[in-house]
C-alpha atoms as a PDB file:
ATOM      1  CA  MET A   1     -20.378 -18.609  -6.317  1.00  0.00           C
ATOM      2  CA  GLU A   2     -18.003 -18.210  -3.393  1.00  0.00           C
ATOM      3  CA  SER A   3     -14.669 -16.620  -4.223  1.00  0.00           C
ATOM      4  CA  LYS A   4     -12.019 -19.221  -4.907  1.00  0.00           C
ATOM      5  CA  PHE A   5      -9.438 -16.893  -3.419  1.00  0.00           C
ATOM      6  CA  LYS A   6     -10.936 -16.836   0.080  1.00  0.00           C
ATOM      7  CA  PRO A   7     -10.139 -20.343   1.357  1.00  0.00           C
ATOM      8  CA  ARG A   8      -6.490 -20.159   0.374  1.00  0.00           C
ATOM      9  CA  ILE A   9      -5.594 -16.704   1.665  1.00  0.00           C
ATOM     10  CA  LYS A  10      -4.451 -16.993   5.232  1.00  0.00           C
ATOM     11  CA  ASN A  11      -3.485 -14.370   7.771  1.00  0.00           C
ATOM     12  CA  CYS A  12      -4.961 -11.634   5.603  1.00  0.00           C
ATOM     13  CA  PRO A  13      -7.809  -9.415   6.717  1.00  0.00           C
ATOM     14  CA  ALA A  14     -11.044 -10.071   4.879  1.00  0.00           C
ATOM     15  CA  SER A  15     -11.722  -6.352   4.831  1.00  0.00           C
ATOM     16  CA  PRO A  16      -9.818  -3.169   5.734  1.00  0.00           C
ATOM     17  CA  SER A  17     -11.615  -3.006   9.080  1.00  0.00           C
ATOM     18  CA  VAL A  18     -10.070  -6.261  10.327  1.00  0.00           C
ATOM     19  CA  VAL A  19      -6.463  -6.149  11.450  1.00  0.00           C
ATOM     20  CA  SER A  20      -3.929  -8.325  13.194  1.00  0.00           C
ATOM     21  CA  THR A  21      -3.949  -8.263  16.986  1.00  0.00           C
ATOM     22  CA  ALA A  22      -0.157  -8.419  17.125  1.00  0.00           C
ATOM     23  CA  PRO A  23       1.632  -5.334  18.535  1.00  0.00           C
ATOM     24  CA  PHE A  24       2.130  -2.891  15.693  1.00  0.00           C
ATOM     25  CA  HIS A  25       5.839  -2.520  16.415  1.00  0.00           C
ATOM     26  CA  ASP A  26       6.324  -6.194  15.516  1.00  0.00           C
ATOM     27  CA  PHE A  27       5.921  -5.183  11.877  1.00  0.00           C
ATOM     28  CA  VAL A  28       9.038  -2.979  11.988  1.00  0.00           C
ATOM     29  CA  THR A  29      11.831  -5.360  11.052  1.00  0.00           C
ATOM     30  CA  ALA A  30      15.541  -4.936  10.426  1.00  0.00           C
ATOM     31  CA  ASP A  31      14.975  -5.666   6.729  1.00  0.00           C
ATOM     32  CA  SER A  32      12.310  -2.984   6.426  1.00  0.00           C
ATOM     33  CA  LEU A  33      14.576  -0.449   8.123  1.00  0.00           C
ATOM     34  CA  ARG A  34      17.402  -1.230   5.711  1.00  0.00           C
ATOM     35  CA  LEU A  35      15.056  -0.695   2.789  1.00  0.00           C
ATOM     36  CA  ILE A  36      13.777   2.568   4.243  1.00  0.00           C
ATOM     37  CA  THR A  37      17.275   3.873   4.950  1.00  0.00           C
ATOM     38  CA  GLY A  38      18.108   3.601   1.265  1.00  0.00           C
ATOM     39  CA  LYS A  39      14.971   5.469   0.199  1.00  0.00           C
ATOM     40  CA  VAL A  40      14.575   8.379   2.595  1.00  0.00           C
ATOM     41  CA  LYS A  41      14.328  11.715   0.804  1.00  0.00           C
ATOM     42  CA  ASN A  42      15.479  13.794   3.759  1.00  0.00           C
ATOM     43  CA  GLU A  43      19.175  12.918   3.903  1.00  0.00           C
ATOM     44  CA  SER A  44      19.593  14.698   7.255  1.00  0.00           C
ATOM     45  CA  ILE A  45      17.238  12.335   9.059  1.00  0.00           C
ATOM     46  CA  ALA A  46      19.089  10.033  11.464  1.00  0.00           C
ATOM     47  CA  ILE A  47      18.589   6.289  11.809  1.00  0.00           C
ATOM     48  CA  ASP A  48      16.894   6.753  15.197  1.00  0.00           C
ATOM     49  CA  GLU A  49      14.443   9.154  13.574  1.00  0.00           C
ATOM     50  CA  ILE A  50      13.783   6.654  10.783  1.00  0.00           C
ATOM     51  CA  LYS A  51      12.922   4.029  13.389  1.00  0.00           C
ATOM     52  CA  ARG A  52      10.583   6.409  15.191  1.00  0.00           C
ATOM     53  CA  PHE A  53       8.865   7.605  12.016  1.00  0.00           C
ATOM     54  CA  THR A  54       8.415   4.008  10.911  1.00  0.00           C
ATOM     55  CA  LEU A  55       6.675   3.280  14.213  1.00  0.00           C
ATOM     56  CA  TYR A  56       4.489   6.357  13.790  1.00  0.00           C
ATOM     57  CA  LEU A  57       3.500   5.290  10.299  1.00  0.00           C
ATOM     58  CA  THR A  58       2.728   1.701  11.307  1.00  0.00           C
ATOM     59  CA  LEU A  59       0.530   2.944  14.146  1.00  0.00           C
ATOM     60  CA  LEU A  60      -1.305   5.389  11.869  1.00  0.00           C
ATOM     61  CA  ARG A  61      -2.006   2.640   9.346  1.00  0.00           C
ATOM     62  CA  LEU A  62      -3.511   0.416  12.000  1.00  0.00           C
ATOM     63  CA  MET A  63      -5.595   3.264  13.373  1.00  0.00           C
ATOM     64  CA  ARG A  64      -6.931   4.052   9.917  1.00  0.00           C
ATOM     65  CA  LEU A  65      -7.781   0.401   9.314  1.00  0.00           C
ATOM     66  CA  ARG A  66      -9.782   0.515  12.534  1.00  0.00           C
ATOM     67  CA  GLY A  67     -11.778   3.453  11.223  1.00  0.00           C
ATOM     68  CA  ARG A  68      -9.980   6.314  12.964  1.00  0.00           C
ATOM     69  CA  THR A  69      -9.685   9.636  11.109  1.00  0.00           C
ATOM     70  CA  ASP A  70      -7.570  11.624  13.547  1.00  0.00           C
ATOM     71  CA  VAL A  71      -5.069  10.953  16.300  1.00  0.00           C
ATOM     72  CA  SER A  72      -3.782  12.818  19.327  1.00  0.00           C
ATOM     73  CA  LEU A  73      -0.085  13.211  20.012  1.00  0.00           C
ATOM     74  CA  GLY A  74      -0.745  11.649  23.399  1.00  0.00           C
ATOM     75  CA  SER A  75      -2.105   8.500  21.732  1.00  0.00           C
ATOM     76  CA  VAL A  76       0.951   8.276  19.475  1.00  0.00           C
ATOM     77  CA  SER A  77       3.194   8.579  22.517  1.00  0.00           C
ATOM     78  CA  ALA A  78       1.256   6.012  24.542  1.00  0.00           C
ATOM     79  CA  GLU A  79       1.058   3.435  21.750  1.00  0.00           C
ATOM     80  CA  THR A  80       4.676   3.714  20.602  1.00  0.00           C
ATOM     81  CA  GLY A  81       6.290   4.173  24.018  1.00  0.00           C
ATOM     82  CA  ILE A  82       8.044   7.309  22.739  1.00  0.00           C
ATOM     83  CA  SER A  83       7.886  10.316  25.043  1.00  0.00           C
ATOM     84  CA  LEU A  84       5.302  12.957  24.190  1.00  0.00           C
ATOM     85  CA  SER A  85       7.979  15.652  24.037  1.00  0.00           C
ATOM     86  CA  LEU A  86       9.985  13.650  21.489  1.00  0.00           C
ATOM     87  CA  VAL A  87       6.905  12.877  19.368  1.00  0.00           C
ATOM     88  CA  GLU A  88       6.070  16.569  19.316  1.00  0.00           C
ATOM     89  CA  GLU A  89       9.663  17.530  18.529  1.00  0.00           C
ATOM     90  CA  ASP A  90       9.835  15.031  15.621  1.00  0.00           C
ATOM     91  CA  LEU A  91       6.659  16.380  14.067  1.00  0.00           C
ATOM     92  CA  ILE A  92       7.448  20.067  14.604  1.00  0.00           C
ATOM     93  CA  MET A  93      10.999  19.777  13.258  1.00  0.00           C
ATOM     94  CA  ASN A  94       9.654  18.176  10.081  1.00  0.00           C
ATOM     95  CA  ASN A  95       6.841  20.728   9.704  1.00  0.00           C
ATOM     96  CA  LEU A  96       4.171  18.120  10.382  1.00  0.00           C
ATOM     97  CA  CYS A  97       2.463  19.998  13.200  1.00  0.00           C
ATOM     98  CA  MET A  98       2.569  23.274  15.109  1.00  0.00           C
ATOM     99  CA  ALA A  99       3.669  23.790  18.683  1.00  0.00           C
ATOM    100  CA  GLY A 100       0.801  23.101  21.045  1.00  0.00           C
ATOM    101  CA  GLN A 101      -1.227  21.179  18.467  1.00  0.00           C
ATOM    102  CA  LYS A 102      -2.963  18.284  20.180  1.00  0.00           C
ATOM    103  CA  ALA A 103      -4.469  16.255  17.323  1.00  0.00           C
ATOM    104  CA  LEU A 104      -3.709  15.561  13.657  1.00  0.00           C
ATOM    105  CA  GLN A 105      -5.627  14.195  10.691  1.00  0.00           C
ATOM    106  CA  ILE A 106      -4.385  10.651  10.043  1.00  0.00           C
ATOM    107  CA  ASN A 107      -4.411  10.617   6.231  1.00  0.00           C
ATOM    108  CA  GLY A 108      -2.470  13.855   5.935  1.00  0.00           C
ATOM    109  CA  LEU A 109       0.085  12.812   8.538  1.00  0.00           C
ATOM    110  CA  MET A 110       0.552   9.412   6.888  1.00  0.00           C
ATOM    111  CA  ALA A 111       1.121  11.024   3.498  1.00  0.00           C
ATOM    112  CA  ALA A 112       3.722  13.404   4.910  1.00  0.00           C
ATOM    113  CA  ILE A 113       5.615  10.675   6.771  1.00  0.00           C
ATOM    114  CA  GLU A 114       5.564   8.415   3.708  1.00  0.00           C
ATOM    115  CA  GLU A 115       7.065  11.284   1.713  1.00  0.00           C
ATOM    116  CA  ILE A 116       9.853  11.704   4.275  1.00  0.00           C
ATOM    117  CA  LEU A 117      10.605   7.963   4.270  1.00  0.00           C
ATOM    118  CA  GLY A 118      10.519   7.718   0.464  1.00  0.00           C
ATOM    119  CA  TYR A 119       7.536   5.370   0.404  1.00  0.00           C
ATOM    120  CA  ARG A 120       5.736   6.928  -2.544  1.00  0.00           C
ATOM    121  CA  ASN A 121       6.628   4.788  -5.513  1.00  0.00           C
ATOM    122  CA  GLU A 122       4.363   5.505  -8.475  1.00  0.00           C
ATOM    123  CA  THR A 123       6.235   3.429 -11.051  1.00  0.00           C
ATOM    124  CA  GLU A 124       6.042   0.003  -9.368  1.00  0.00           C
ATOM    125  CA  SER A 125       2.979  -2.141  -8.773  1.00  0.00           C
ATOM    126  CA  PHE A 126       1.681  -5.482  -7.540  1.00  0.00           C
ATOM    127  CA  LEU A 127      -0.492  -7.567  -9.858  1.00  0.00           C
ATOM    128  CA  VAL A 128      -3.075 -10.087  -8.664  1.00  0.00           C
ATOM    129  CA  GLY A 129      -4.265 -12.627 -11.219  1.00  0.00           C
ATOM    130  CA  ALA A 130      -1.709 -14.439 -13.388  1.00  0.00           C
ATOM    131  CA  GLY A 131      -4.118 -15.655 -16.077  1.00  0.00           C
ATOM    132  CA  LYS A 132      -4.127 -14.656 -19.717  1.00  0.00           C
ATOM    133  CA  LEU A 133      -4.622 -10.938 -19.050  1.00  0.00           C
ATOM    134  CA  GLY A 134      -2.235 -10.828 -16.100  1.00  0.00           C
ATOM    135  CA  THR A 135       0.438 -12.643 -18.103  1.00  0.00           C
ATOM    136  CA  SER A 136      -0.029 -10.187 -20.955  1.00  0.00           C
ATOM    137  CA  LEU A 137       0.458  -7.283 -18.563  1.00  0.00           C
ATOM    138  CA  MET A 138       3.524  -8.867 -16.951  1.00  0.00           C
ATOM    139  CA  LEU A 139       5.137  -9.418 -20.328  1.00  0.00           C
ATOM    140  CA  LYS A 140       4.486  -5.722 -21.075  1.00  0.00           C
ATOM    141  CA  GLU A 141       2.375  -6.595 -24.059  1.00  0.00           C
ATOM    142  CA  ASN A 142      -0.108  -4.005 -22.813  1.00  0.00           C
ATOM    143  CA  LEU A 143       2.062  -1.827 -20.584  1.00  0.00           C
ATOM    144  CA  GLY A 144       4.819  -0.974 -23.038  1.00  0.00           C
ATOM    145  CA  GLN A 145       3.618   2.605 -23.458  1.00  0.00           C
ATOM    146  CA  THR A 146       3.690   3.350 -19.729  1.00  0.00           C
ATOM    147  CA  ASP A 147       6.389   3.780 -17.090  1.00  0.00           C
ATOM    148  CA  LEU A 148       4.777   1.193 -14.833  1.00  0.00           C
ATOM    149  CA  LYS A 149       6.732  -1.856 -13.727  1.00  0.00           C
ATOM    150  CA  ILE A 150       5.069  -4.891 -12.158  1.00  0.00           C
ATOM    151  CA  VAL A 151       7.420  -6.004  -9.391  1.00  0.00           C
ATOM    152  CA  ALA A 152       5.394  -8.867  -7.899  1.00  0.00           C
ATOM    153  CA  ALA A 153       2.522 -11.092  -9.054  1.00  0.00           C
ATOM    154  CA  PHE A 154       0.070 -13.198  -7.086  1.00  0.00           C
ATOM    155  CA  ASP A 155      -2.367 -15.973  -7.942  1.00  0.00           C
ATOM    156  CA  ASN A 156      -4.337 -18.510  -5.967  1.00  0.00           C
ATOM    157  CA  ASP A 157      -3.828 -21.323  -8.473  1.00  0.00           C
ATOM    158  CA  TYR A 158      -1.238 -23.695  -7.005  1.00  0.00           C
ATOM    159  CA  ARG A 159      -0.210 -24.637 -10.551  1.00  0.00           C
ATOM    160  CA  LYS A 160       0.939 -21.063 -11.156  1.00  0.00           C
ATOM    161  CA  ILE A 161       2.536 -20.310  -7.785  1.00  0.00           C
ATOM    162  CA  GLY A 162       6.311 -20.488  -8.112  1.00  0.00           C
ATOM    163  CA  ASN A 163       6.256 -20.066 -11.889  1.00  0.00           C
ATOM    164  CA  GLN A 164       8.319 -17.373 -13.548  1.00  0.00           C
ATOM    165  CA  ILE A 165       6.558 -15.103 -16.056  1.00  0.00           C
ATOM    166  CA  GLY A 166       9.189 -12.999 -17.727  1.00  0.00           C
ATOM    167  CA  SER A 167      11.278 -11.808 -14.782  1.00  0.00           C
ATOM    168  CA  ILE A 168       8.397 -11.984 -12.301  1.00  0.00           C
ATOM    169  CA  LYS A 169       7.766 -14.870  -9.927  1.00  0.00           C
ATOM    170  CA  VAL A 170       4.145 -15.722  -9.129  1.00  0.00           C
ATOM    171  CA  MET A 171       3.405 -15.996  -5.418  1.00  0.00           C
ATOM    172  CA  SER A 172       0.473 -16.865  -3.179  1.00  0.00           C
ATOM    173  CA  PRO A 173      -1.829 -13.941  -2.296  1.00  0.00           C
ATOM    174  CA  ASP A 174      -1.018 -14.394   1.396  1.00  0.00           C
ATOM    175  CA  LYS A 175       2.325 -12.735   0.592  1.00  0.00           C
ATOM    176  CA  ILE A 176       0.695  -9.444  -0.476  1.00  0.00           C
ATOM    177  CA  ILE A 177       0.526  -7.738   2.911  1.00  0.00           C
ATOM    178  CA  PRO A 178       4.011  -8.648   4.221  1.00  0.00           C
ATOM    179  CA  LEU A 179       5.637  -7.787   0.884  1.00  0.00           C
ATOM    180  CA  ALA A 180       3.805  -4.480   0.629  1.00  0.00           C
ATOM    181  CA  GLY A 181       5.149  -3.580   4.051  1.00  0.00           C
ATOM    182  CA  ARG A 182       8.704  -4.113   2.809  1.00  0.00           C
ATOM    183  CA  MET A 183       8.509  -2.725  -0.725  1.00  0.00           C
ATOM    184  CA  HIS A 184       6.245   0.294  -0.145  1.00  0.00           C
ATOM    185  CA  VAL A 185       4.367  -0.141  -3.420  1.00  0.00           C
ATOM    186  CA  CYS A 186       1.285   2.083  -3.573  1.00  0.00           C
ATOM    187  CA  LEU A 187      -0.447   0.712  -6.702  1.00  0.00           C
ATOM    188  CA  GLY A 188      -2.196  -2.647  -7.060  1.00  0.00           C
ATOM    189  CA  ILE A 189      -3.465  -4.140 -10.335  1.00  0.00           C
ATOM    190  CA  ILE A 190      -6.392  -6.568 -10.322  1.00  0.00           C
ATOM    191  CA  ALA A 191      -6.693  -8.984 -13.253  1.00  0.00           C
ATOM    192  CA  THR A 192      -8.603 -11.781 -11.539  1.00  0.00           C
ATOM    193  CA  PRO A 193     -11.614 -13.773 -12.783  1.00  0.00           C
ATOM    194  CA  SER A 194     -15.073 -12.309 -12.309  1.00  0.00           C
ATOM    195  CA  GLY A 195     -16.234 -12.258  -8.702  1.00  0.00           C
ATOM    196  CA  GLU A 196     -12.760 -11.959  -7.146  1.00  0.00           C
ATOM    197  CA  ALA A 197     -12.020  -8.240  -7.470  1.00  0.00           C
ATOM    198  CA  GLN A 198     -13.688  -6.895  -4.319  1.00  0.00           C
ATOM    199  CA  TYR A 199     -12.000  -9.398  -2.030  1.00  0.00           C
ATOM    200  CA  ILE A 200      -8.610  -8.703  -3.568  1.00  0.00           C
ATOM    201  CA  ALA A 201      -9.243  -4.951  -3.387  1.00  0.00           C
ATOM    202  CA  ASP A 202      -9.867  -5.319   0.358  1.00  0.00           C
ATOM    203  CA  ILE A 203      -6.518  -7.068   0.768  1.00  0.00           C
ATOM    204  CA  LEU A 204      -4.700  -4.428  -1.302  1.00  0.00           C
ATOM    205  CA  VAL A 205      -6.224  -1.650   0.788  1.00  0.00           C
ATOM    206  CA  ALA A 206      -5.236  -3.462   3.986  1.00  0.00           C
ATOM    207  CA  ALA A 207      -1.712  -3.735   2.542  1.00  0.00           C
ATOM    208  CA  GLY A 208      -1.534   0.052   2.273  1.00  0.00           C
ATOM    209  CA  MET A 209      -2.199   0.534  -1.447  1.00  0.00           C
ATOM    210  CA  LYS A 210      -3.330   4.036  -2.354  1.00  0.00           C
ATOM    211  CA  ALA A 211      -4.570   3.215  -5.835  1.00  0.00           C
ATOM    212  CA  ILE A 212      -6.121   0.198  -7.539  1.00  0.00           C
ATOM    213  CA  TRP A 213      -6.154  -0.387 -11.283  1.00  0.00           C
ATOM    214  CA  ASN A 214      -9.080  -2.676 -11.958  1.00  0.00           C
ATOM    215  CA  PHE A 215      -9.014  -4.687 -15.199  1.00  0.00           C
ATOM    216  CA  THR A 216     -12.121  -6.708 -14.337  1.00  0.00           C
ATOM    217  CA  TYR A 217     -15.787  -5.907 -14.950  1.00  0.00           C
ATOM    218  CA  ASP A 218     -16.499  -6.149 -11.211  1.00  0.00           C
ATOM    219  CA  ASP A 219     -17.432  -2.998  -9.316  1.00  0.00           C
ATOM    220  CA  ILE A 220     -14.990  -2.217  -6.505  1.00  0.00           C
ATOM    221  CA  HIS A 221     -16.016  -0.336  -3.375  1.00  0.00           C
ATOM    222  CA  THR A 222     -13.346   1.187  -1.126  1.00  0.00           C
ATOM    223  CA  ASN A 223     -13.120   4.139   1.200  1.00  0.00           C
ATOM    224  CA  GLU A 224     -12.936   7.582  -0.372  1.00  0.00           C
ATOM    225  CA  ASN A 225      -9.163   7.841   0.099  1.00  0.00           C
ATOM    226  CA  ILE A 226      -8.408   4.947  -2.275  1.00  0.00           C
ATOM    227  CA  ILE A 227      -8.249   5.725  -5.989  1.00  0.00           C
ATOM    228  CA  VAL A 228      -9.853   3.156  -8.285  1.00  0.00           C
ATOM    229  CA  GLU A 229      -9.345   3.297 -12.052  1.00  0.00           C
ATOM    230  CA  ASN A 230     -11.308   0.869 -14.216  1.00  0.00           C
ATOM    231  CA  THR A 231      -9.916  -0.245 -17.572  1.00  0.00           C
ATOM    232  CA  HIS A 232     -11.722  -2.888 -19.585  1.00  0.00           C
ATOM    233  CA  PRO A 233     -10.456  -5.009 -22.505  1.00  0.00           C
ATOM    234  CA  GLY A 234     -10.271  -2.918 -25.638  1.00  0.00           C
ATOM    235  CA  GLN A 235      -9.800   0.363 -23.804  1.00  0.00           C
ATOM    236  CA  ASP A 236      -6.584   2.384 -24.030  1.00  0.00           C
ATOM    237  CA  ILE A 237      -4.128   1.069 -21.426  1.00  0.00           C
ATOM    238  CA  ALA A 238      -1.825   4.091 -21.598  1.00  0.00           C
ATOM    239  CA  GLU A 239      -4.731   6.492 -21.175  1.00  0.00           C
ATOM    240  CA  GLY A 240      -5.982   4.568 -18.143  1.00  0.00           C
ATOM    241  CA  TYR A 241      -2.522   4.600 -16.592  1.00  0.00           C
ATOM    242  CA  HIS A 242      -2.044   8.330 -17.051  1.00  0.00           C
ATOM    243  CA  LYS A 243      -5.483   9.036 -15.592  1.00  0.00           C
ATOM    244  CA  LEU A 244      -4.644   6.886 -12.584  1.00  0.00           C
ATOM    245  CA  ILE A 245      -1.227   8.441 -11.997  1.00  0.00           C
ATOM    246  CA  ASN A 246      -2.560  11.981 -12.392  1.00  0.00           C
ATOM    247  CA  ARG A 247      -5.273  11.264  -9.828  1.00  0.00           C
ATOM    248  CA  LEU A 248      -2.692   9.737  -7.462  1.00  0.00           C
ATOM    249  CA  ARG A 249      -0.345  12.700  -7.785  1.00  0.00           C
ATOM    250  CA  SER A 250      -3.203  15.141  -7.353  1.00  0.00           C
ATOM    251  CA  GLN A 251      -4.285  13.382  -4.169  1.00  0.00           C
ATOM    252  CA  ASN A 252      -0.708  13.367  -2.867  1.00  0.00           C
ATOM    253  CA  SER A 253      -0.393  17.111  -3.415  1.00  0.00           C
ATOM    254  CA  ILE A 254      -3.640  17.742  -1.512  1.00  0.00           C
ATOM    255  CA  LEU A 255      -2.650  15.500   1.382  1.00  0.00           C
END
């Protein structure tokens, strides 16, 4: 049976290899910069640097979605319109590359820039699927023993969109990618009906999620850089969460 989510999700890539053709700098908005400014860990970084690093990160995300694994400093300069000398200076001053280095591994550079901008948020998540299980999770009936907070929920059922479950408003799945770009959440929870998980996982990956907590019985296939933790009904929720977070933190330390 064809996924009921697919016809209603608009302007979202069907898989991580499909991206918008809009210029990447169009995704850097005033709102996103205000959010970033309040989260940066390096208090000495100036607003102009924040803008540049946000452009670097947006470009790297698009390159990774297109299948790239490394990037040259010349490409970063050409795509962002920032001079090569300034790109190199930004990266060297923040210990992201060495003088004379011509190319960098995309995943490692993304992780480092996200750390600088304060993007790594391991205690907030998006949830897709506002049915019985999703509602239970949102009301913390099953998450009470963890530190995880669901900050946004999504469902394709028009009867649920706009409803408030606890303190969380249910939205259409076409809001996942733009919201993820603003809120910098790195964990997505899937609690959809059978047959929907892979499609939703593709959207979460395209939105920049680094980990997926799968509560369905569907098998999820992603690239090797995305962590997937499967927890089925009856299994220990807290144990699954701690396994997921430990894997995420371990990956972050390696990157």
